[in-house]
């Protein structure tokens, strides 16, 4: 198990970076196009809401990017690798990078830097694979944050506008399709990023990716639809609903003692963002078994979805919604239930259960199935890991996502002693 290595940068990583940049630009382009349409047609309220979502999302993402830039500058050897790669993430360009973040271009700059470094590593066979992988891990997390801060709320807004007007323009369909594409790509990309911290034996297969994508889509879709339907009948209550649940979720994240960021201010930003993500989808933030927390979360969200749908059903326009009301009332809960069943299937059959094996027993075979995979101690960059940077932030999330609290016995030294594991 200790001989296993983590994945190196490949053409698939490069393709994901390029497609990720493409979906990001497509999403923002469709948003700007839609904002122009709202403004030109005098829909100033929707124009303001859409622009507000875009600005708020951008500020949050830039703040995470800047925090990480500050943290990374303190890592031994990071500045040297960044400078050697010709990246903007090096010490003598701090002012330039800060200006880019103020101009809301830091995230785009990271995308371009990752693609540039990835091209040098994959196509030109140059050094710096560890740094290229490091950049792609950060991008996957930033895309996750951007998706739930901007793309998902925007999707709710678009559905809400179509419900209220009982019609849809072509630009609205384009915007909804772009947001849906961005969300779907983020789910697969983020999952793949976490998987890359596992030994090569546990690389993510397409079947696992498909199941993971489907259960997330089937859980997020009904949640988004229920929020949009509720907003269409009681628009003045959606903001209090969000603020109340966001506060509860943020306090729940604080209660779980998250430690993702390296500063107190950064950690509270992370907890606030986790609260926002939980408003739409489950996101694991703490070590240990997640079954209990997941059951509590999904029970709470299921009850909330039922209340939202019941409220919409009671206050809906009977004539305007006659064609689709009953279908949505039955279809959305069934879709959510199907998503829960697929999630259970994923965790039973496709989700690796990891442990940290400090001393492998001779009788254990190297051919460990994907459901029982050894994991290196992420806190130590020794051996094969010493030659490359290890993204501790994403490694920490991977350890939480694939955690398993079972214990095994060490083979040497303190024989018979129990060893704690991820």
Protein backbone atom coordinates (compact mmCIF):
# COMPACT_ATOMS: atom_id res chain seq x y z
CA UNK A 1 0.00 0.00 0.00
CA UNK A 2 2.79 2.40 0.79
CA UNK A 3 4.21 1.72 -2.63
CA UNK A 4 1.18 3.06 -4.32
CA UNK A 5 1.47 6.52 -5.80
CA UNK A 6 -0.96 9.33 -6.38
CA UNK A 7 -2.07 10.22 -9.89
CA UNK A 8 0.18 12.44 -11.97
CA UNK A 9 -0.96 15.09 -14.41
CA UNK A 10 -2.40 13.59 -17.62
CA UNK A 11 -4.21 14.65 -20.78
CA UNK A 12 -7.51 14.05 -18.96
CA UNK A 13 -6.56 16.67 -16.37
CA UNK A 14 -5.70 19.06 -19.19
CA UNK A 15 -9.03 18.37 -20.92
CA UNK A 16 -10.96 18.97 -17.69
CA UNK A 17 -9.16 22.29 -17.21
CA UNK A 18 -9.96 23.43 -20.74
CA UNK A 19 -13.60 22.36 -20.59
CA UNK A 20 -13.91 23.91 -17.13
CA UNK A 21 -12.71 27.25 -18.48
CA UNK A 22 -15.09 26.92 -21.41
CA UNK A 23 -18.13 26.28 -19.20
CA UNK A 24 -17.11 29.14 -16.92
CA UNK A 25 -16.90 31.59 -19.82
CA UNK A 26 -20.13 30.24 -21.35
CA UNK A 27 -21.95 30.64 -18.05
CA UNK A 28 -20.76 34.21 -17.56
CA UNK A 29 -21.42 35.08 -21.20
CA UNK A 30 -25.00 33.84 -20.97
CA UNK A 31 -25.46 35.77 -17.72
CA UNK A 32 -24.25 39.01 -19.31
CA UNK A 33 -26.46 38.39 -22.35
CA UNK A 34 -29.48 37.80 -20.15
CA UNK A 35 -28.70 40.87 -18.02
CA UNK A 36 -28.59 42.95 -21.22
CA UNK A 37 -31.97 41.57 -22.30
CA UNK A 38 -33.52 42.38 -18.91
CA UNK A 39 -32.11 45.89 -19.01
CA UNK A 40 -33.12 46.63 -22.60
CA UNK A 41 -36.69 45.46 -21.93
CA UNK A 42 -37.04 47.51 -18.77
CA UNK A 43 -37.00 44.58 -16.32
CA UNK A 44 -34.72 46.47 -13.93
CA UNK A 45 -35.61 44.38 -10.89
CA UNK A 46 -34.53 41.10 -12.54
CA UNK A 47 -31.51 42.88 -13.97
CA UNK A 48 -30.47 44.00 -10.48
CA UNK A 49 -31.01 40.55 -8.95
CA UNK A 50 -29.00 38.82 -11.66
CA UNK A 51 -26.12 41.29 -11.51
CA UNK A 52 -26.16 41.09 -7.70
CA UNK A 53 -25.77 37.29 -7.83
CA UNK A 54 -22.91 37.58 -10.29
CA UNK A 55 -21.08 40.19 -8.21
CA UNK A 56 -21.59 38.39 -4.88
CA UNK A 57 -20.43 35.08 -6.33
CA UNK A 58 -17.37 36.67 -7.89
CA UNK A 59 -16.39 38.39 -4.64
CA UNK A 60 -16.66 35.15 -2.64
CA UNK A 61 -14.58 33.20 -5.17
CA UNK A 62 -11.93 35.93 -5.36
CA UNK A 63 -11.68 35.98 -1.56
CA UNK A 64 -11.03 32.23 -1.43
CA UNK A 65 -8.48 32.53 -4.21
CA UNK A 66 -6.66 35.36 -2.43
CA UNK A 67 -6.65 33.56 0.93
CA UNK A 68 -5.14 30.48 -0.72
CA UNK A 69 -2.56 32.56 -2.51
CA UNK A 70 -1.46 34.02 0.83
CA UNK A 71 -1.35 30.58 2.46
CA UNK A 72 0.58 29.02 -0.42
CA UNK A 73 3.29 31.66 -0.33
CA UNK A 74 4.25 30.34 3.13
CA UNK A 75 4.69 26.75 1.93
CA UNK A 76 8.30 25.53 1.60
CA UNK A 77 9.27 25.27 -2.04
CA UNK A 78 5.97 26.55 -3.43
CA UNK A 79 7.27 29.91 -4.64
CA UNK A 80 10.20 28.20 -6.32
CA UNK A 81 7.97 25.81 -8.27
CA UNK A 82 5.54 28.59 -9.15
CA UNK A 83 8.34 30.84 -10.37
CA UNK A 84 9.88 27.98 -12.31
CA UNK A 85 6.55 27.39 -14.01
CA UNK A 86 6.32 31.02 -15.05
CA UNK A 87 3.08 31.48 -13.13
CA UNK A 88 1.65 34.66 -11.67
CA UNK A 89 1.57 32.87 -8.29
CA UNK A 90 5.08 33.88 -7.30
CA UNK A 91 6.40 36.25 -4.69
CA UNK A 92 7.57 39.09 -6.94
CA UNK A 93 4.11 39.54 -8.47
CA UNK A 94 2.01 39.84 -5.35
CA UNK A 95 0.80 43.33 -6.21
CA UNK A 96 -0.17 42.25 -9.71
CA UNK A 97 -2.07 39.23 -8.41
CA UNK A 98 -3.79 41.40 -5.79
CA UNK A 99 -4.88 43.86 -8.47
CA UNK A 100 -6.27 41.02 -10.57
CA UNK A 101 -8.38 39.90 -7.62
CA UNK A 102 -9.67 43.42 -7.01
CA UNK A 103 -10.67 43.53 -10.69
CA UNK A 104 -12.42 40.15 -10.19
CA UNK A 105 -9.99 38.42 -12.56
CA UNK A 106 -8.13 36.21 -10.08
CA UNK A 107 -10.24 33.11 -10.77
CA UNK A 108 -9.85 33.53 -14.53
CA UNK A 109 -6.11 34.02 -14.05
CA UNK A 110 -5.92 30.72 -12.12
CA UNK A 111 -7.71 28.96 -14.99
CA UNK A 112 -5.28 30.33 -17.56
CA UNK A 113 -2.27 29.52 -15.38
CA UNK A 114 -3.47 25.93 -14.85
CA UNK A 115 -4.03 25.40 -18.58
CA UNK A 116 -0.65 26.92 -19.43
CA UNK A 117 1.19 24.78 -16.88
CA UNK A 118 -0.78 21.69 -17.86
CA UNK A 119 0.10 22.19 -21.52
CA UNK A 120 3.79 22.44 -20.64
CA UNK A 121 3.66 19.25 -18.59
CA UNK A 122 1.43 17.12 -20.81
CA UNK A 123 2.34 18.20 -24.34
CA UNK A 124 5.92 19.47 -23.97
CA UNK A 125 6.85 16.89 -21.31
CA UNK A 126 8.38 19.57 -19.09
CA UNK A 127 8.84 19.39 -15.32
CA UNK A 128 6.20 20.63 -12.89
CA UNK A 129 3.57 17.89 -12.85
CA UNK A 130 3.05 18.33 -9.10
CA UNK A 131 2.42 22.04 -9.49
CA UNK A 132 -0.02 21.47 -12.37
CA UNK A 133 -1.99 18.99 -10.26
CA UNK A 134 -1.90 21.43 -7.35
CA UNK A 135 -3.55 24.12 -9.49
CA UNK A 136 -6.27 21.83 -10.83
CA UNK A 137 -7.25 20.78 -7.30
CA UNK A 138 -7.76 24.41 -6.27
CA UNK A 139 -9.75 25.11 -9.42
CA UNK A 140 -12.13 22.22 -8.74
CA UNK A 141 -12.95 23.66 -5.31
CA UNK A 142 -13.32 27.20 -6.64
CA UNK A 143 -15.66 25.96 -9.36
CA UNK A 144 -17.72 24.19 -6.72
CA UNK A 145 -18.03 27.44 -4.74
CA UNK A 146 -18.82 29.48 -7.84
CA UNK A 147 -21.48 27.02 -8.93
CA UNK A 148 -23.46 27.11 -5.69
CA UNK A 149 -22.94 30.84 -5.14
CA UNK A 150 -23.99 31.93 -8.62
CA UNK A 151 -25.06 29.21 -11.07
CA UNK A 152 -27.57 27.47 -8.81
CA UNK A 153 -29.29 30.65 -7.52
CA UNK A 154 -29.35 31.94 -11.09
CA UNK A 155 -31.06 28.73 -12.19
CA UNK A 156 -33.73 29.29 -9.54
CA UNK A 157 -34.16 32.87 -10.77
CA UNK A 158 -34.60 31.78 -14.38
CA UNK A 159 -37.19 29.14 -13.50
CA UNK A 160 -38.98 31.67 -11.29
CA UNK A 161 -39.17 34.24 -14.09
CA UNK A 162 -40.54 31.65 -16.51
CA UNK A 163 -43.15 30.57 -13.97
CA UNK A 164 -44.26 34.13 -13.25
CA UNK A 165 -44.49 35.18 -16.90
CA UNK A 166 -45.77 31.79 -18.08
CA UNK A 167 -43.43 32.08 -21.07
CA UNK A 168 -39.74 31.78 -21.82
CA UNK A 169 -37.42 33.56 -24.22
CA UNK A 170 -34.62 31.82 -26.08
CA UNK A 171 -32.01 33.58 -23.98
CA UNK A 172 -33.59 32.18 -20.82
CA UNK A 173 -33.38 28.63 -22.15
CA UNK A 174 -29.73 29.25 -23.05
CA UNK A 175 -28.99 30.57 -19.57
CA UNK A 176 -30.74 27.63 -17.88
CA UNK A 177 -28.87 25.16 -20.10
CA UNK A 178 -25.53 26.87 -19.37
CA UNK A 179 -26.16 26.81 -15.61
CA UNK A 180 -27.21 23.16 -15.70
CA UNK A 181 -24.10 22.25 -17.70
CA UNK A 182 -21.90 24.12 -15.25
CA UNK A 183 -23.45 22.37 -12.24
CA UNK A 184 -23.19 18.92 -13.84
CA UNK A 185 -19.57 19.43 -14.86
CA UNK A 186 -18.67 20.74 -11.42
CA UNK A 187 -20.08 17.64 -9.73
CA UNK A 188 -17.99 15.25 -11.84
CA UNK A 189 -14.89 17.45 -11.74
CA UNK A 190 -14.97 17.90 -7.97
CA UNK A 191 -15.52 14.19 -7.37
CA UNK A 192 -12.69 13.34 -9.72
CA UNK A 193 -10.41 15.81 -7.95
CA UNK A 194 -11.01 14.10 -4.61
CA UNK A 195 -10.49 10.67 -6.17
CA UNK A 196 -7.07 11.71 -7.45
CA UNK A 197 -5.79 11.66 -3.85
CA UNK A 198 -6.45 7.94 -3.66
CA UNK A 199 -3.84 5.38 -4.71
CA UNK A 200 -3.81 4.45 -8.40
CA UNK A 201 -5.73 1.28 -7.57
CA UNK A 202 -8.79 3.38 -6.72
CA UNK A 203 -8.97 5.59 -9.80
CA UNK A 204 -12.49 6.74 -10.56
CA UNK A 205 -14.28 4.66 -13.18
CA UNK A 206 -16.99 5.96 -15.49
CA UNK A 207 -19.64 3.88 -13.73
CA UNK A 208 -18.81 5.49 -10.41
CA UNK A 209 -18.77 8.95 -12.04
CA UNK A 210 -22.16 8.36 -13.64
CA UNK A 211 -23.83 7.19 -10.44
CA UNK A 212 -22.29 10.06 -8.46
CA UNK A 213 -23.43 12.56 -11.09
CA UNK A 214 -26.97 11.16 -11.24
CA UNK A 215 -27.69 11.11 -7.53
CA UNK A 216 -26.43 14.65 -7.13
CA UNK A 217 -28.50 15.83 -10.08
CA UNK A 218 -31.63 14.04 -8.85
CA UNK A 219 -31.26 15.59 -5.38
CA UNK A 220 -30.31 19.10 -6.46
CA UNK A 221 -32.92 19.31 -9.25
CA UNK A 222 -36.04 18.89 -7.07
CA UNK A 223 -34.55 21.19 -4.44
CA UNK A 224 -34.01 23.96 -6.99
CA UNK A 225 -37.46 23.42 -8.53
CA UNK A 226 -39.19 23.50 -5.13
CA UNK A 227 -37.47 26.79 -4.23
CA UNK A 228 -38.46 28.30 -7.58
CA UNK A 229 -42.08 27.17 -7.20
CA UNK A 230 -42.27 28.57 -3.66
CA UNK A 231 -40.80 31.86 -4.87
CA UNK A 232 -43.41 32.11 -7.63
CA UNK A 233 -46.27 32.28 -5.09
CA UNK A 234 -44.60 33.96 -2.08
CA UNK A 235 -41.62 35.91 -3.46
CA UNK A 236 -41.24 38.07 -0.36
CA UNK A 237 -40.63 34.99 1.83
CA UNK A 238 -37.79 33.37 -0.07
CA UNK A 239 -35.13 35.75 1.33
CA UNK A 240 -36.11 35.13 5.01
CA UNK A 241 -36.30 31.41 4.23
CA UNK A 242 -32.75 31.42 2.85
CA UNK A 243 -31.29 33.62 5.60
CA UNK A 244 -32.79 31.51 8.39
CA UNK A 245 -31.64 28.20 6.93
CA UNK A 246 -28.24 29.62 5.99
CA UNK A 247 -27.68 30.80 9.56
CA UNK A 248 -28.65 27.38 10.93
CA UNK A 249 -26.35 25.60 8.48
CA UNK A 250 -23.45 27.96 9.19
CA UNK A 251 -23.77 27.35 12.93
CA UNK A 252 -23.91 23.62 12.26
CA UNK A 253 -20.64 23.88 10.32
CA UNK A 254 -19.11 25.81 13.22
CA UNK A 255 -20.35 23.16 15.66
CA UNK A 256 -18.50 20.51 13.62
CA UNK A 257 -15.24 22.46 14.16
CA UNK A 258 -14.20 22.75 10.54
CA UNK A 259 -10.51 23.47 9.91
CA UNK A 260 -10.25 23.89 6.15
CA UNK A 261 -8.59 27.33 6.08
CA UNK A 262 -5.37 28.50 7.75
CA UNK A 263 -6.78 31.65 9.37
CA UNK A 264 -9.78 32.50 11.54
CA UNK A 265 -11.24 34.92 9.00
CA UNK A 266 -10.81 32.43 6.18
CA UNK A 267 -12.43 29.67 8.24
CA UNK A 268 -15.55 31.75 8.90
CA UNK A 269 -15.74 32.53 5.18
CA UNK A 270 -15.57 28.79 4.54
CA UNK A 271 -18.30 28.05 7.10
CA UNK A 272 -20.55 30.71 5.60
CA UNK A 273 -19.98 29.20 2.16
CA UNK A 274 -20.67 25.69 3.44
CA UNK A 275 -23.96 27.00 4.84
CA UNK A 276 -24.85 28.29 1.38
CA UNK A 277 -23.90 25.01 -0.30
CA UNK A 278 -25.98 23.05 2.23
CA UNK A 279 -28.98 25.15 1.25
CA UNK A 280 -28.88 23.26 -2.07
CA UNK A 281 -26.83 20.09 -1.58
CA UNK A 282 -24.99 17.94 0.96
CA UNK A 283 -21.28 18.64 1.45
CA UNK A 284 -19.14 16.75 3.96
CA UNK A 285 -16.96 19.02 6.15
CA UNK A 286 -15.92 16.90 9.14
CA UNK A 287 -14.06 13.66 9.79
CA UNK A 288 -15.75 10.53 11.03
CA UNK A 289 -18.77 8.61 9.88
CA UNK A 290 -21.12 10.81 7.89
CA UNK A 291 -24.17 8.55 7.91
CA UNK A 292 -25.77 10.20 10.93
CA UNK A 293 -25.11 13.74 9.69
CA UNK A 294 -26.31 12.82 6.21
CA UNK A 295 -29.56 11.34 7.55
CA UNK A 296 -30.20 14.47 9.63
CA UNK A 297 -29.49 16.73 6.66
CA UNK A 298 -31.61 14.86 4.12
CA UNK A 299 -34.48 14.47 6.60
CA UNK A 300 -34.41 18.22 7.19
CA UNK A 301 -34.22 19.05 3.47
CA UNK A 302 -36.96 16.54 2.62
CA UNK A 303 -39.27 18.11 5.18
CA UNK A 304 -38.43 21.56 3.83
CA UNK A 305 -39.13 20.50 0.23
CA UNK A 306 -42.50 19.07 1.30
CA UNK A 307 -43.39 22.35 3.02
CA UNK A 308 -42.30 24.37 -0.02
CA UNK A 309 -44.35 22.24 -2.41
CA UNK A 310 -47.38 22.26 -0.13
CA UNK A 311 -47.21 26.05 0.11
CA UNK A 312 -46.93 26.40 -3.66
CA UNK A 313 -49.86 24.01 -4.18
CA UNK A 314 -52.02 26.02 -1.81
CA UNK A 315 -51.25 29.45 -3.30
CA UNK A 316 -50.74 28.59 -6.98
CA UNK A 317 -52.78 30.02 -9.87
CA UNK A 318 -55.17 27.19 -10.68
CA UNK A 319 -55.62 28.15 -14.33
CA UNK A 320 -52.00 28.96 -15.14
CA UNK A 321 -50.55 25.85 -13.48
CA UNK A 322 -53.22 23.37 -14.48
CA UNK A 323 -51.08 21.74 -17.16
CA UNK A 324 -48.15 20.83 -14.93
CA UNK A 325 -49.14 21.25 -11.25
CA UNK A 326 -50.02 17.63 -10.48
CA UNK A 327 -47.01 16.33 -12.42
CA UNK A 328 -44.63 18.48 -10.37
CA UNK A 329 -46.32 17.67 -7.09
CA UNK A 330 -45.83 13.94 -7.67
CA UNK A 331 -42.70 13.98 -9.80
CA UNK A 332 -40.43 16.14 -7.65
CA UNK A 333 -40.70 14.04 -4.44
CA UNK A 334 -40.31 10.83 -6.46
CA UNK A 335 -37.23 12.24 -8.16
CA UNK A 336 -35.73 13.19 -4.82
CA UNK A 337 -36.45 9.70 -3.46
CA UNK A 338 -34.78 8.16 -6.51
CA UNK A 339 -31.75 10.37 -5.87
CA UNK A 340 -31.53 9.09 -2.29
CA UNK A 341 -31.71 5.49 -3.51
CA UNK A 342 -28.92 6.11 -6.03
CA UNK A 343 -26.86 7.76 -3.31
CA UNK A 344 -27.28 4.67 -1.12
CA UNK A 345 -26.28 2.50 -4.10
CA UNK A 346 -23.16 4.60 -4.66
CA UNK A 347 -22.03 4.36 -1.04
CA UNK A 348 -22.71 0.62 -0.95
CA UNK A 349 -21.00 -0.33 -4.21
CA UNK A 350 -18.76 2.45 -5.52
CA UNK A 351 -17.50 4.57 -2.64
CA UNK A 352 -13.99 3.62 -1.39
CA UNK A 353 -13.67 3.11 2.36
CA UNK A 354 -10.22 4.28 3.30
CA UNK A 355 -7.91 3.54 6.19
CA UNK A 356 -4.37 4.62 6.95
CA UNK A 357 -2.10 1.59 7.12
CA UNK A 358 1.08 2.49 8.98
CA UNK A 359 2.54 -1.02 8.98
CA UNK A 360 1.19 -3.47 6.47
CA UNK A 361 0.79 -7.03 7.66
CA UNK A 362 2.62 -9.53 5.44
CA UNK A 363 -0.51 -11.56 4.86
CA UNK A 364 -2.33 -8.59 3.30
CA UNK A 365 -2.30 -8.62 -0.47
CA UNK A 366 -1.43 -5.54 -2.53
CA UNK A 367 -4.56 -6.17 -4.57
CA UNK A 368 -7.04 -4.38 -2.32
CA UNK A 369 -10.49 -3.81 -3.83
CA UNK A 370 -11.72 -0.28 -4.42
CA UNK A 371 -14.08 -0.62 -1.49
CA UNK A 372 -11.15 -1.01 0.94
CA UNK A 373 -8.21 1.16 -0.08
CA UNK A 374 -5.24 2.24 2.02
CA UNK A 375 -4.56 5.96 2.23
CA UNK A 376 -1.31 7.75 3.00
CA UNK A 377 -1.10 10.14 5.90
CA UNK A 378 -1.74 13.47 4.16
CA UNK A 379 0.06 15.40 6.89
CA UNK A 380 3.45 13.97 5.88
CA UNK A 381 5.00 14.54 2.50
CA UNK A 382 7.60 11.80 2.49
CA UNK A 383 8.82 9.19 0.07
CA UNK A 384 7.14 9.46 -3.31
CA UNK A 385 5.28 12.59 -2.24
CA UNK A 386 8.38 14.55 -1.37
CA UNK A 387 9.11 15.31 -5.03
CA UNK A 388 5.82 17.09 -5.62
CA UNK A 389 3.54 19.56 -3.92
CA UNK A 390 0.57 18.11 -2.10
CA UNK A 391 -2.55 20.25 -1.96
CA UNK A 392 -3.32 19.88 1.74
CA UNK A 393 -6.68 21.64 1.44
CA UNK A 394 -8.14 19.19 -1.03
CA UNK A 395 -6.30 16.26 0.57
CA UNK A 396 -8.08 17.14 3.81
CA UNK A 397 -11.47 17.12 2.05
CA UNK A 398 -10.63 13.79 0.39
CA UNK A 399 -9.76 12.25 3.76
CA UNK A 400 -13.14 13.43 5.08
CA UNK A 401 -15.08 12.30 2.02
CA UNK A 402 -13.62 8.78 1.95
CA UNK A 403 -13.28 8.37 5.71
CA UNK A 404 -13.76 5.07 7.48
CA UNK A 405 -13.43 4.83 11.27
CA UNK A 406 -12.51 1.13 11.42
CA UNK A 407 -9.22 0.15 13.07
CA UNK A 408 -6.67 -2.48 12.17
CA UNK A 409 -3.67 -3.89 14.00
CA UNK A 410 -0.10 -2.89 13.25
CA UNK A 411 2.19 -5.74 12.20
CA UNK A 412 5.45 -4.66 13.82
CA UNK A 413 6.50 -3.03 17.07
CA UNK A 414 3.47 -2.67 19.26
CA UNK A 415 1.83 -5.86 18.05
CA UNK A 416 -1.78 -6.07 19.01
CA UNK A 417 -2.15 -2.33 19.48
CA UNK A 418 -5.03 -0.61 17.78
CA UNK A 419 -4.24 2.11 15.24
CA UNK A 420 -6.69 4.96 14.52
CA UNK A 421 -7.59 5.43 10.86
CA UNK A 422 -9.26 7.78 8.44
